[in-house]
Amino acid sequence: MIPTIVLLFAVEIKTAGSLSLLVSLPTMLVAFARYSRDGSFAILGANLRFTAVMVGGSIAGAALGGLLLGVFPDRVLIPVLAVILLASALKLARHA
């Protein structure tokens, strides 16, 4: 979502990250409530190792991203984000 906000709306990366969290939070809260009600979280217990790896990676990525905040200038990050967005689009197009 961040590359899309940066590239389409010309918003600086820090603002785009905050907007991404703001937009995602209501969606995550509603999804959490729905999955909790219908017992869908039981599958996480069945795949505990995978779940632990994903949680660990998410925490490590957030921590590393926070530490690197401000280290790389926008003129470096924007092309990198554009490449990530294009790679995601290509992977999605090939998935069908």
PDB file of N, CA and C in Angstrom:
ATOM      1  N   MET A   1       0.806  -1.182   0.000  1.00  0.00           N
ATOM      2  CA  MET A   1       0.000   0.000   0.000  1.00  0.00           C
ATOM      3  C   MET A   1       0.861   1.264   0.000  1.00  0.00           C
ATOM      4  N   ILE A   2       1.982   1.213   0.690  1.00  0.00           N
ATOM      5  CA  ILE A   2       2.847   2.390   0.779  1.00  0.00           C
ATOM      6  C   ILE A   2       3.389   2.800  -0.590  1.00  0.00           C
ATOM      7  N   PRO A   3       3.902   1.861  -1.406  1.00  0.00           N
ATOM      8  CA  PRO A   3       4.362   2.294  -2.738  1.00  0.00           C
ATOM      9  C   PRO A   3       3.247   2.940  -3.557  1.00  0.00           C
ATOM     10  N   THR A   4       2.050   2.437  -3.461  1.00  0.00           N
ATOM     11  CA  THR A   4       0.940   3.005  -4.210  1.00  0.00           C
ATOM     12  C   THR A   4       0.646   4.432  -3.755  1.00  0.00           C
ATOM     13  N   ILE A   5       0.629   4.653  -2.455  1.00  0.00           N
ATOM     14  CA  ILE A   5       0.371   6.001  -1.933  1.00  0.00           C
ATOM     15  C   ILE A   5       1.470   6.959  -2.371  1.00  0.00           C
ATOM     16  N   VAL A   6       2.712   6.518  -2.285  1.00  0.00           N
ATOM     17  CA  VAL A   6       3.838   7.381  -2.657  1.00  0.00           C
ATOM     18  C   VAL A   6       3.811   7.695  -4.148  1.00  0.00           C
ATOM     19  N   LEU A   7       3.638   6.664  -4.972  1.00  0.00           N
ATOM     20  CA  LEU A   7       3.743   6.865  -6.416  1.00  0.00           C
ATOM     21  C   LEU A   7       2.510   7.527  -7.025  1.00  0.00           C
ATOM     22  N   LEU A   8       1.326   7.188  -6.565  1.00  0.00           N
ATOM     23  CA  LEU A   8       0.119   7.744  -7.171  1.00  0.00           C
ATOM     24  C   LEU A   8      -0.281   9.097  -6.597  1.00  0.00           C
ATOM     25  N   PHE A   9      -0.020   9.310  -5.312  1.00  0.00           N
ATOM     26  CA  PHE A   9      -0.478  10.539  -4.667  1.00  0.00           C
ATOM     27  C   PHE A   9       0.655  11.489  -4.309  1.00  0.00           C
ATOM     28  N   ALA A  10       1.882  11.133  -4.647  1.00  0.00           N
ATOM     29  CA  ALA A  10       3.064  11.975  -4.414  1.00  0.00           C
ATOM     30  C   ALA A  10       3.173  12.437  -2.959  1.00  0.00           C
ATOM     31  N   VAL A  11       2.945  11.493  -2.050  1.00  0.00           N
ATOM     32  CA  VAL A  11       3.054  11.772  -0.623  1.00  0.00           C
ATOM     33  C   VAL A  11       4.424  11.270  -0.164  1.00  0.00           C
ATOM     34  N   GLU A  12       5.037  11.969   0.790  1.00  0.00           N
ATOM     35  CA  GLU A  12       6.344  11.499   1.261  1.00  0.00           C
ATOM     36  C   GLU A  12       6.183  10.152   1.985  1.00  0.00           C
ATOM     37  N   ILE A  13       7.250   9.413   2.029  1.00  0.00           N
ATOM     38  CA  ILE A  13       7.198   8.023   2.477  1.00  0.00           C
ATOM     39  C   ILE A  13       6.749   7.895   3.933  1.00  0.00           C
ATOM     40  N   LYS A  14       7.211   8.754   4.808  1.00  0.00           N
ATOM     41  CA  LYS A  14       6.812   8.670   6.218  1.00  0.00           C
ATOM     42  C   LYS A  14       5.311   8.889   6.367  1.00  0.00           C
ATOM     43  N   THR A  15       4.782   9.852   5.639  1.00  0.00           N
ATOM     44  CA  THR A  15       3.341  10.110   5.678  1.00  0.00           C
ATOM     45  C   THR A  15       2.578   8.927   5.092  1.00  0.00           C
ATOM     46  N   ALA A  16       3.101   8.353   4.015  1.00  0.00           N
ATOM     47  CA  ALA A  16       2.448   7.203   3.388  1.00  0.00           C
ATOM     48  C   ALA A  16       2.397   6.018   4.354  1.00  0.00           C
ATOM     49  N   GLY A  17       3.438   5.812   5.117  1.00  0.00           N
ATOM     50  CA  GLY A  17       3.446   4.730   6.104  1.00  0.00           C
ATOM     51  C   GLY A  17       2.379   4.939   7.170  1.00  0.00           C
ATOM     52  N   SER A  18       2.258   6.173   7.631  1.00  0.00           N
ATOM     53  CA  SER A  18       1.226   6.487   8.622  1.00  0.00           C
ATOM     54  C   SER A  18      -0.169   6.326   8.040  1.00  0.00           C
ATOM     55  N   LEU A  19      -0.363   6.780   6.805  1.00  0.00           N
ATOM     56  CA  LEU A  19      -1.661   6.622   6.147  1.00  0.00           C
ATOM     57  C   LEU A  19      -2.003   5.155   5.951  1.00  0.00           C
ATOM     58  N   SER A  20      -1.010   4.359   5.606  1.00  0.00           N
ATOM     59  CA  SER A  20      -1.226   2.933   5.407  1.00  0.00           C
ATOM     60  C   SER A  20      -1.725   2.282   6.692  1.00  0.00           C
ATOM     61  N   LEU A  21      -1.110   2.622   7.807  1.00  0.00           N
ATOM     62  CA  LEU A  21      -1.551   2.091   9.097  1.00  0.00           C
ATOM     63  C   LEU A  21      -2.955   2.568   9.435  1.00  0.00           C
ATOM     64  N   LEU A  22      -3.221   3.836   9.173  1.00  0.00           N
ATOM     65  CA  LEU A  22      -4.533   4.401   9.476  1.00  0.00           C
ATOM     66  C   LEU A  22      -5.636   3.729   8.667  1.00  0.00           C
ATOM     67  N   VAL A  23      -5.362   3.456   7.396  1.00  0.00           N
ATOM     68  CA  VAL A  23      -6.343   2.816   6.528  1.00  0.00           C
ATOM     69  C   VAL A  23      -6.506   1.339   6.896  1.00  0.00           C
ATOM     70  N   SER A  24      -5.427   0.683   7.268  1.00  0.00           N
ATOM     71  CA  SER A  24      -5.466  -0.746   7.554  1.00  0.00           C
ATOM     72  C   SER A  24      -6.085  -1.084   8.897  1.00  0.00           C
ATOM     73  N   LEU A  25      -5.984  -0.196   9.858  1.00  0.00           N
ATOM     74  CA  LEU A  25      -6.443  -0.503  11.213  1.00  0.00           C
ATOM     75  C   LEU A  25      -7.924  -0.885  11.280  1.00  0.00           C
ATOM     76  N   PRO A  26      -8.848  -0.113  10.701  1.00  0.00           N
ATOM     77  CA  PRO A  26     -10.258  -0.537  10.771  1.00  0.00           C
ATOM     78  C   PRO A  26     -10.505  -1.889  10.098  1.00  0.00           C
ATOM     79  N   THR A  27      -9.845  -2.124   8.987  1.00  0.00           N
ATOM     80  CA  THR A  27      -9.992  -3.393   8.286  1.00  0.00           C
ATOM     81  C   THR A  27      -9.525  -4.542   9.164  1.00  0.00           C
ATOM     82  N   MET A  28      -8.383  -4.372   9.815  1.00  0.00           N
ATOM     83  CA  MET A  28      -7.856  -5.422  10.677  1.00  0.00           C
ATOM     84  C   MET A  28      -8.753  -5.670  11.879  1.00  0.00           C
ATOM     85  N   LEU A  29      -9.310  -4.613  12.457  1.00  0.00           N
ATOM     86  CA  LEU A  29     -10.188  -4.783  13.619  1.00  0.00           C
ATOM     87  C   LEU A  29     -11.461  -5.543  13.255  1.00  0.00           C
ATOM     88  N   VAL A  30     -12.062  -5.202  12.115  1.00  0.00           N
ATOM     89  CA  VAL A  30     -13.271  -5.902  11.675  1.00  0.00           C
ATOM     90  C   VAL A  30     -12.947  -7.357  11.344  1.00  0.00           C
ATOM     91  N   ALA A  31     -11.841  -7.581  10.652  1.00  0.00           N
ATOM     92  CA  ALA A  31     -11.448  -8.951  10.310  1.00  0.00           C
ATOM     93  C   ALA A  31     -11.173  -9.771  11.567  1.00  0.00           C
ATOM     94  N   PHE A  32     -10.501  -9.178  12.523  1.00  0.00           N
ATOM     95  CA  PHE A  32     -10.218  -9.883  13.776  1.00  0.00           C
ATOM     96  C   PHE A  32     -11.508 -10.282  14.482  1.00  0.00           C
ATOM     97  N   ALA A  33     -12.463  -9.377  14.515  1.00  0.00           N
ATOM     98  CA  ALA A  33     -13.750  -9.668  15.166  1.00  0.00           C
ATOM     99  C   ALA A  33     -14.480 -10.805  14.445  1.00  0.00           C
ATOM    100  N   ARG A  34     -14.504 -10.760  13.125  1.00  0.00           N
ATOM    101  CA  ARG A  34     -15.209 -11.802  12.366  1.00  0.00           C
ATOM    102  C   ARG A  34     -14.531 -13.157  12.497  1.00  0.00           C
ATOM    103  N   TYR A  35     -13.203 -13.179  12.368  1.00  0.00           N
ATOM    104  CA  TYR A  35     -12.485 -14.452  12.485  1.00  0.00           C
ATOM    105  C   TYR A  35     -12.592 -15.025  13.892  1.00  0.00           C
ATOM    106  N   SER A  36     -12.629 -14.159  14.890  1.00  0.00           N
ATOM    107  CA  SER A  36     -12.773 -14.632  16.268  1.00  0.00           C
ATOM    108  C   SER A  36     -14.125 -15.299  16.479  1.00  0.00           C
ATOM    109  N   ARG A  37     -15.169 -14.709  15.890  1.00  0.00           N
ATOM    110  CA  ARG A  37     -16.515 -15.245  16.084  1.00  0.00           C
ATOM    111  C   ARG A  37     -16.714 -16.600  15.434  1.00  0.00           C
ATOM    112  N   ASP A  38     -16.127 -16.810  14.252  1.00  0.00           N
ATOM    113  CA  ASP A  38     -16.397 -18.083  13.562  1.00  0.00           C
ATOM    114  C   ASP A  38     -15.312 -19.140  13.774  1.00  0.00           C
ATOM    115  N   GLY A  39     -14.371 -18.893  14.657  1.00  0.00           N
ATOM    116  CA  GLY A  39     -13.382 -19.909  15.007  1.00  0.00           C
ATOM    117  C   GLY A  39     -12.295 -20.123  13.969  1.00  0.00           C
ATOM    118  N   SER A  40     -12.115 -19.164  13.080  1.00  0.00           N
ATOM    119  CA  SER A  40     -11.112 -19.329  12.022  1.00  0.00           C
ATOM    120  C   SER A  40      -9.677 -19.281  12.528  1.00  0.00           C
ATOM    121  N   PHE A  41      -9.470 -18.789  13.721  1.00  0.00           N
ATOM    122  CA  PHE A  41      -8.111 -18.730  14.251  1.00  0.00           C
ATOM    123  C   PHE A  41      -7.591 -20.103  14.666  1.00  0.00           C
ATOM    124  N   ALA A  42      -8.437 -21.113  14.676  1.00  0.00           N
ATOM    125  CA  ALA A  42      -8.006 -22.465  15.035  1.00  0.00           C
ATOM    126  C   ALA A  42      -6.936 -22.980  14.082  1.00  0.00           C
ATOM    127  N   ILE A  43      -6.979 -22.525  12.831  1.00  0.00           N
ATOM    128  CA  ILE A  43      -5.985 -22.981  11.849  1.00  0.00           C
ATOM    129  C   ILE A  43      -4.587 -22.505  12.209  1.00  0.00           C
ATOM    130  N   LEU A  44      -4.488 -21.388  12.929  1.00  0.00           N
ATOM    131  CA  LEU A  44      -3.177 -20.899  13.353  1.00  0.00           C
ATOM    132  C   LEU A  44      -2.525 -21.872  14.322  1.00  0.00           C
ATOM    133  N   GLY A  45      -3.331 -22.456  15.201  1.00  0.00           N
ATOM    134  CA  GLY A  45      -2.813 -23.451  16.134  1.00  0.00           C
ATOM    135  C   GLY A  45      -2.350 -24.706  15.421  1.00  0.00           C
ATOM    136  N   ALA A  46      -3.020 -25.048  14.338  1.00  0.00           N
ATOM    137  CA  ALA A  46      -2.638 -26.231  13.565  1.00  0.00           C
ATOM    138  C   ALA A  46      -1.345 -25.998  12.790  1.00  0.00           C
ATOM    139  N   ASN A  47      -1.041 -24.746  12.498  1.00  0.00           N
ATOM    140  CA  ASN A  47       0.180 -24.384  11.757  1.00  0.00           C
ATOM    141  C   ASN A  47       1.054 -23.496  12.631  1.00  0.00           C
ATOM    142  N   LEU A  48       1.318 -23.935  13.836  1.00  0.00           N
ATOM    143  CA  LEU A  48       1.991 -23.108  14.822  1.00  0.00           C
ATOM    144  C   LEU A  48       3.398 -22.688  14.399  1.00  0.00           C
ATOM    145  N   ARG A  49       4.150 -23.575  13.786  1.00  0.00           N
ATOM    146  CA  ARG A  49       5.524 -23.231  13.371  1.00  0.00           C
ATOM    147  C   ARG A  49       5.505 -22.130  12.325  1.00  0.00           C
ATOM    148  N   PHE A  50       4.653 -22.278  11.312  1.00  0.00           N
ATOM    149  CA  PHE A  50       4.548 -21.266  10.264  1.00  0.00           C
ATOM    150  C   PHE A  50       4.086 -19.935  10.863  1.00  0.00           C
ATOM    151  N   THR A  51       3.112 -20.001  11.758  1.00  0.00           N
ATOM    152  CA  THR A  51       2.601 -18.795  12.400  1.00  0.00           C
ATOM    153  C   THR A  51       3.708 -18.092  13.187  1.00  0.00           C
ATOM    154  N   ALA A  52       4.500 -18.848  13.915  1.00  0.00           N
ATOM    155  CA  ALA A  52       5.592 -18.268  14.705  1.00  0.00           C
ATOM    156  C   ALA A  52       6.634 -17.613  13.812  1.00  0.00           C
ATOM    157  N   VAL A  53       6.960 -18.241  12.685  1.00  0.00           N
ATOM    158  CA  VAL A  53       7.937 -17.667  11.751  1.00  0.00           C
ATOM    159  C   VAL A  53       7.402 -16.361  11.166  1.00  0.00           C
ATOM    160  N   MET A  54       6.121 -16.349  10.797  1.00  0.00           N
ATOM    161  CA  MET A  54       5.523 -15.135  10.228  1.00  0.00           C
ATOM    162  C   MET A  54       5.476 -14.003  11.255  1.00  0.00           C
ATOM    163  N   VAL A  55       5.115 -14.321  12.498  1.00  0.00           N
ATOM    164  CA  VAL A  55       5.073 -13.308  13.558  1.00  0.00           C
ATOM    165  C   VAL A  55       6.482 -12.775  13.822  1.00  0.00           C
ATOM    166  N   GLY A  56       7.451 -13.671  13.920  1.00  0.00           N
ATOM    167  CA  GLY A  56       8.839 -13.252  14.140  1.00  0.00           C
ATOM    168  C   GLY A  56       9.363 -12.376  13.022  1.00  0.00           C
ATOM    169  N   GLY A  57       9.064 -12.751  11.781  1.00  0.00           N
ATOM    170  CA  GLY A  57       9.482 -11.943  10.638  1.00  0.00           C
ATOM    171  C   GLY A  57       8.831 -10.577  10.624  1.00  0.00           C
ATOM    172  N   SER A  58       7.579 -10.521  11.007  1.00  0.00           N
ATOM    173  CA  SER A  58       6.863  -9.251  11.058  1.00  0.00           C
ATOM    174  C   SER A  58       7.456  -8.330  12.116  1.00  0.00           C
ATOM    175  N   ILE A  59       7.743  -8.884  13.287  1.00  0.00           N
ATOM    176  CA  ILE A  59       8.339  -8.083  14.363  1.00  0.00           C
ATOM    177  C   ILE A  59       9.737  -7.618  13.977  1.00  0.00           C
ATOM    178  N   ALA A  60      10.536  -8.514  13.413  1.00  0.00           N
ATOM    179  CA  ALA A  60      11.895  -8.146  13.000  1.00  0.00           C
ATOM    180  C   ALA A  60      11.863  -7.092  11.902  1.00  0.00           C
ATOM    181  N   GLY A  61      10.960  -7.250  10.933  1.00  0.00           N
ATOM    182  CA  GLY A  61      10.852  -6.269   9.853  1.00  0.00           C
ATOM    183  C   GLY A  61      10.429  -4.906  10.352  1.00  0.00           C
ATOM    184  N   ALA A  62       9.484  -4.874  11.279  1.00  0.00           N
ATOM    185  CA  ALA A  62       9.035  -3.597  11.842  1.00  0.00           C
ATOM    186  C   ALA A  62      10.154  -2.928  12.635  1.00  0.00           C
ATOM    187  N   ALA A  63      10.882  -3.727  13.409  1.00  0.00           N
ATOM    188  CA  ALA A  63      11.985  -3.174  14.198  1.00  0.00           C
ATOM    189  C   ALA A  63      13.094  -2.648  13.292  1.00  0.00           C
ATOM    190  N   LEU A  64      13.462  -3.426  12.285  1.00  0.00           N
ATOM    191  CA  LEU A  64      14.516  -3.000  11.361  1.00  0.00           C
ATOM    192  C   LEU A  64      14.081  -1.763  10.584  1.00  0.00           C
ATOM    193  N   GLY A  65      12.830  -1.746  10.126  1.00  0.00           N
ATOM    194  CA  GLY A  65      12.323  -0.578   9.413  1.00  0.00           C
ATOM    195  C   GLY A  65      12.340   0.663  10.279  1.00  0.00           C
ATOM    196  N   GLY A  66      11.984   0.501  11.548  1.00  0.00           N
ATOM    197  CA  GLY A  66      12.016   1.633  12.472  1.00  0.00           C
ATOM    198  C   GLY A  66      13.427   2.147  12.706  1.00  0.00           C
ATOM    199  N   LEU A  67      14.382   1.235  12.796  1.00  0.00           N
ATOM    200  CA  LEU A  67      15.772   1.642  12.994  1.00  0.00           C
ATOM    201  C   LEU A  67      16.353   2.333  11.759  1.00  0.00           C
ATOM    202  N   LEU A  68      15.906   1.921  10.578  1.00  0.00           N
ATOM    203  CA  LEU A  68      16.434   2.486   9.337  1.00  0.00           C
ATOM    204  C   LEU A  68      15.696   3.746   8.888  1.00  0.00           C
ATOM    205  N   LEU A  69      14.665   4.131   9.635  1.00  0.00           N
ATOM    206  CA  LEU A  69      13.882   5.304   9.284  1.00  0.00           C
ATOM    207  C   LEU A  69      14.778   6.534   9.242  1.00  0.00           C
ATOM    208  N   GLY A  70      14.777   7.200   8.141  1.00  0.00           N
ATOM    209  CA  GLY A  70      15.587   8.391   7.979  1.00  0.00           C
ATOM    210  C   GLY A  70      16.995   8.132   7.494  1.00  0.00           C
ATOM    211  N   VAL A  71      17.388   6.867   7.384  1.00  0.00           N
ATOM    212  CA  VAL A  71      18.741   6.548   6.932  1.00  0.00           C
ATOM    213  C   VAL A  71      18.858   6.716   5.419  1.00  0.00           C
ATOM    214  N   PHE A  72      17.812   6.274   4.703  1.00  0.00           N
ATOM    215  CA  PHE A  72      17.828   6.352   3.249  1.00  0.00           C
ATOM    216  C   PHE A  72      16.960   7.519   2.781  1.00  0.00           C
ATOM    217  N   PRO A  73      17.473   8.343   1.850  1.00  0.00           N
ATOM    218  CA  PRO A  73      16.681   9.475   1.359  1.00  0.00           C
ATOM    219  C   PRO A  73      15.533   9.007   0.452  1.00  0.00           C
ATOM    220  N   ASP A  74      14.531   9.868   0.296  1.00  0.00           N
ATOM    221  CA  ASP A  74      13.370   9.548  -0.529  1.00  0.00           C
ATOM    222  C   ASP A  74      13.754   9.199  -1.964  1.00  0.00           C
ATOM    223  N   ARG A  75      14.774   9.861  -2.503  1.00  0.00           N
ATOM    224  CA  ARG A  75      15.161   9.592  -3.905  1.00  0.00           C
ATOM    225  C   ARG A  75      15.708   8.182  -4.096  1.00  0.00           C
ATOM    226  N   VAL A  76      16.090   7.530  -3.031  1.00  0.00           N
ATOM    227  CA  VAL A  76      16.509   6.134  -3.091  1.00  0.00           C
ATOM    228  C   VAL A  76      15.312   5.220  -2.852  1.00  0.00           C
ATOM    229  N   LEU A  77      14.494   5.566  -1.868  1.00  0.00           N
ATOM    230  CA  LEU A  77      13.377   4.704  -1.490  1.00  0.00           C
ATOM    231  C   LEU A  77      12.273   4.638  -2.547  1.00  0.00           C
ATOM    232  N   ILE A  78      11.978   5.744  -3.201  1.00  0.00           N
ATOM    233  CA  ILE A  78      10.875   5.750  -4.168  1.00  0.00           C
ATOM    234  C   ILE A  78      11.122   4.784  -5.323  1.00  0.00           C
ATOM    235  N   PRO A  79      12.310   4.775  -5.957  1.00  0.00           N
ATOM    236  CA  PRO A  79      12.531   3.765  -7.007  1.00  0.00           C
ATOM    237  C   PRO A  79      12.484   2.328  -6.481  1.00  0.00           C
ATOM    238  N   VAL A  80      12.967   2.105  -5.270  1.00  0.00           N
ATOM    239  CA  VAL A  80      12.918   0.764  -4.685  1.00  0.00           C
ATOM    240  C   VAL A  80      11.466   0.342  -4.473  1.00  0.00           C
ATOM    241  N   LEU A  81      10.654   1.243  -3.959  1.00  0.00           N
ATOM    242  CA  LEU A  81       9.242   0.942  -3.764  1.00  0.00           C
ATOM    243  C   LEU A  81       8.534   0.706  -5.098  1.00  0.00           C
ATOM    244  N   ALA A  82       8.926   1.456  -6.133  1.00  0.00           N
ATOM    245  CA  ALA A  82       8.334   1.253  -7.460  1.00  0.00           C
ATOM    246  C   ALA A  82       8.656  -0.145  -7.988  1.00  0.00           C
ATOM    247  N   VAL A  83       9.878  -0.596  -7.792  1.00  0.00           N
ATOM    248  CA  VAL A  83      10.272  -1.938  -8.225  1.00  0.00           C
ATOM    249  C   VAL A  83       9.495  -2.999  -7.450  1.00  0.00           C
ATOM    250  N   ILE A  84       9.334  -2.804  -6.150  1.00  0.00           N
ATOM    251  CA  ILE A  84       8.566  -3.758  -5.343  1.00  0.00           C
ATOM    252  C   ILE A  84       7.129  -3.823  -5.832  1.00  0.00           C
ATOM    253  N   LEU A  85       6.540  -2.672  -6.127  1.00  0.00           N
ATOM    254  CA  LEU A  85       5.164  -2.630  -6.606  1.00  0.00           C
ATOM    255  C   LEU A  85       5.033  -3.333  -7.957  1.00  0.00           C
ATOM    256  N   LEU A  86       5.967  -3.100  -8.865  1.00  0.00           N
ATOM    257  CA  LEU A  86       5.937  -3.773 -10.167  1.00  0.00           C
ATOM    258  C   LEU A  86       6.137  -5.278 -10.029  1.00  0.00           C
ATOM    259  N   ALA A  87       7.055  -5.684  -9.170  1.00  0.00           N
ATOM    260  CA  ALA A  87       7.287  -7.114  -8.961  1.00  0.00           C
ATOM    261  C   ALA A  87       6.036  -7.775  -8.392  1.00  0.00           C
ATOM    262  N   SER A  88       5.364  -7.108  -7.466  1.00  0.00           N
ATOM    263  CA  SER A  88       4.125  -7.645  -6.899  1.00  0.00           C
ATOM    264  C   SER A  88       3.051  -7.770  -7.969  1.00  0.00           C
ATOM    265  N   ALA A  89       2.952  -6.759  -8.826  1.00  0.00           N
ATOM    266  CA  ALA A  89       1.952  -6.791  -9.894  1.00  0.00           C
ATOM    267  C   ALA A  89       2.239  -7.928 -10.876  1.00  0.00           C
ATOM    268  N   LEU A  90       3.499  -8.120 -11.229  1.00  0.00           N
ATOM    269  CA  LEU A  90       3.861  -9.208 -12.145  1.00  0.00           C
ATOM    270  C   LEU A  90       3.577 -10.567 -11.518  1.00  0.00           C
ATOM    271  N   LYS A  91       3.913 -10.726 -10.269  1.00  0.00           N
ATOM    272  CA  LYS A  91       3.656 -12.004  -9.590  1.00  0.00           C
ATOM    273  C   LYS A  91       2.164 -12.280  -9.516  1.00  0.00           C
ATOM    274  N   LEU A  92       1.384 -11.255  -9.252  1.00  0.00           N
ATOM    275  CA  LEU A  92      -0.065 -11.419  -9.201  1.00  0.00           C
ATOM    276  C   LEU A  92      -0.632 -11.753 -10.578  1.00  0.00           C
ATOM    277  N   ALA A  93      -0.107 -11.117 -11.612  1.00  0.00           N
ATOM    278  CA  ALA A  93      -0.576 -11.386 -12.977  1.00  0.00           C
ATOM    279  C   ALA A  93      -0.242 -12.817 -13.405  1.00  0.00           C
ATOM    280  N   ARG A  94       0.889 -13.324 -13.000  1.00  0.00           N
ATOM    281  CA  ARG A  94       1.288 -14.695 -13.360  1.00  0.00           C
ATOM    282  C   ARG A  94       0.544 -15.749 -12.548  1.00  0.00           C
ATOM    283  N   HIS A  95       0.032 -15.350 -11.395  1.00  0.00           N
ATOM    284  CA  HIS A  95      -0.644 -16.300 -10.502  1.00  0.00           C
ATOM    285  C   HIS A  95      -1.928 -16.868 -11.095  1.00  0.00           C
ATOM    286  N   ALA A  96      -2.595 -16.063 -11.871  1.00  0.00           N
ATOM    287  CA  ALA A  96      -3.877 -16.486 -12.443  1.00  0.00           C
ATOM    288  C   ALA A  96      -3.658 -17.680 -13.331  1.00  0.00           C
TER     289      ALA A  96
END
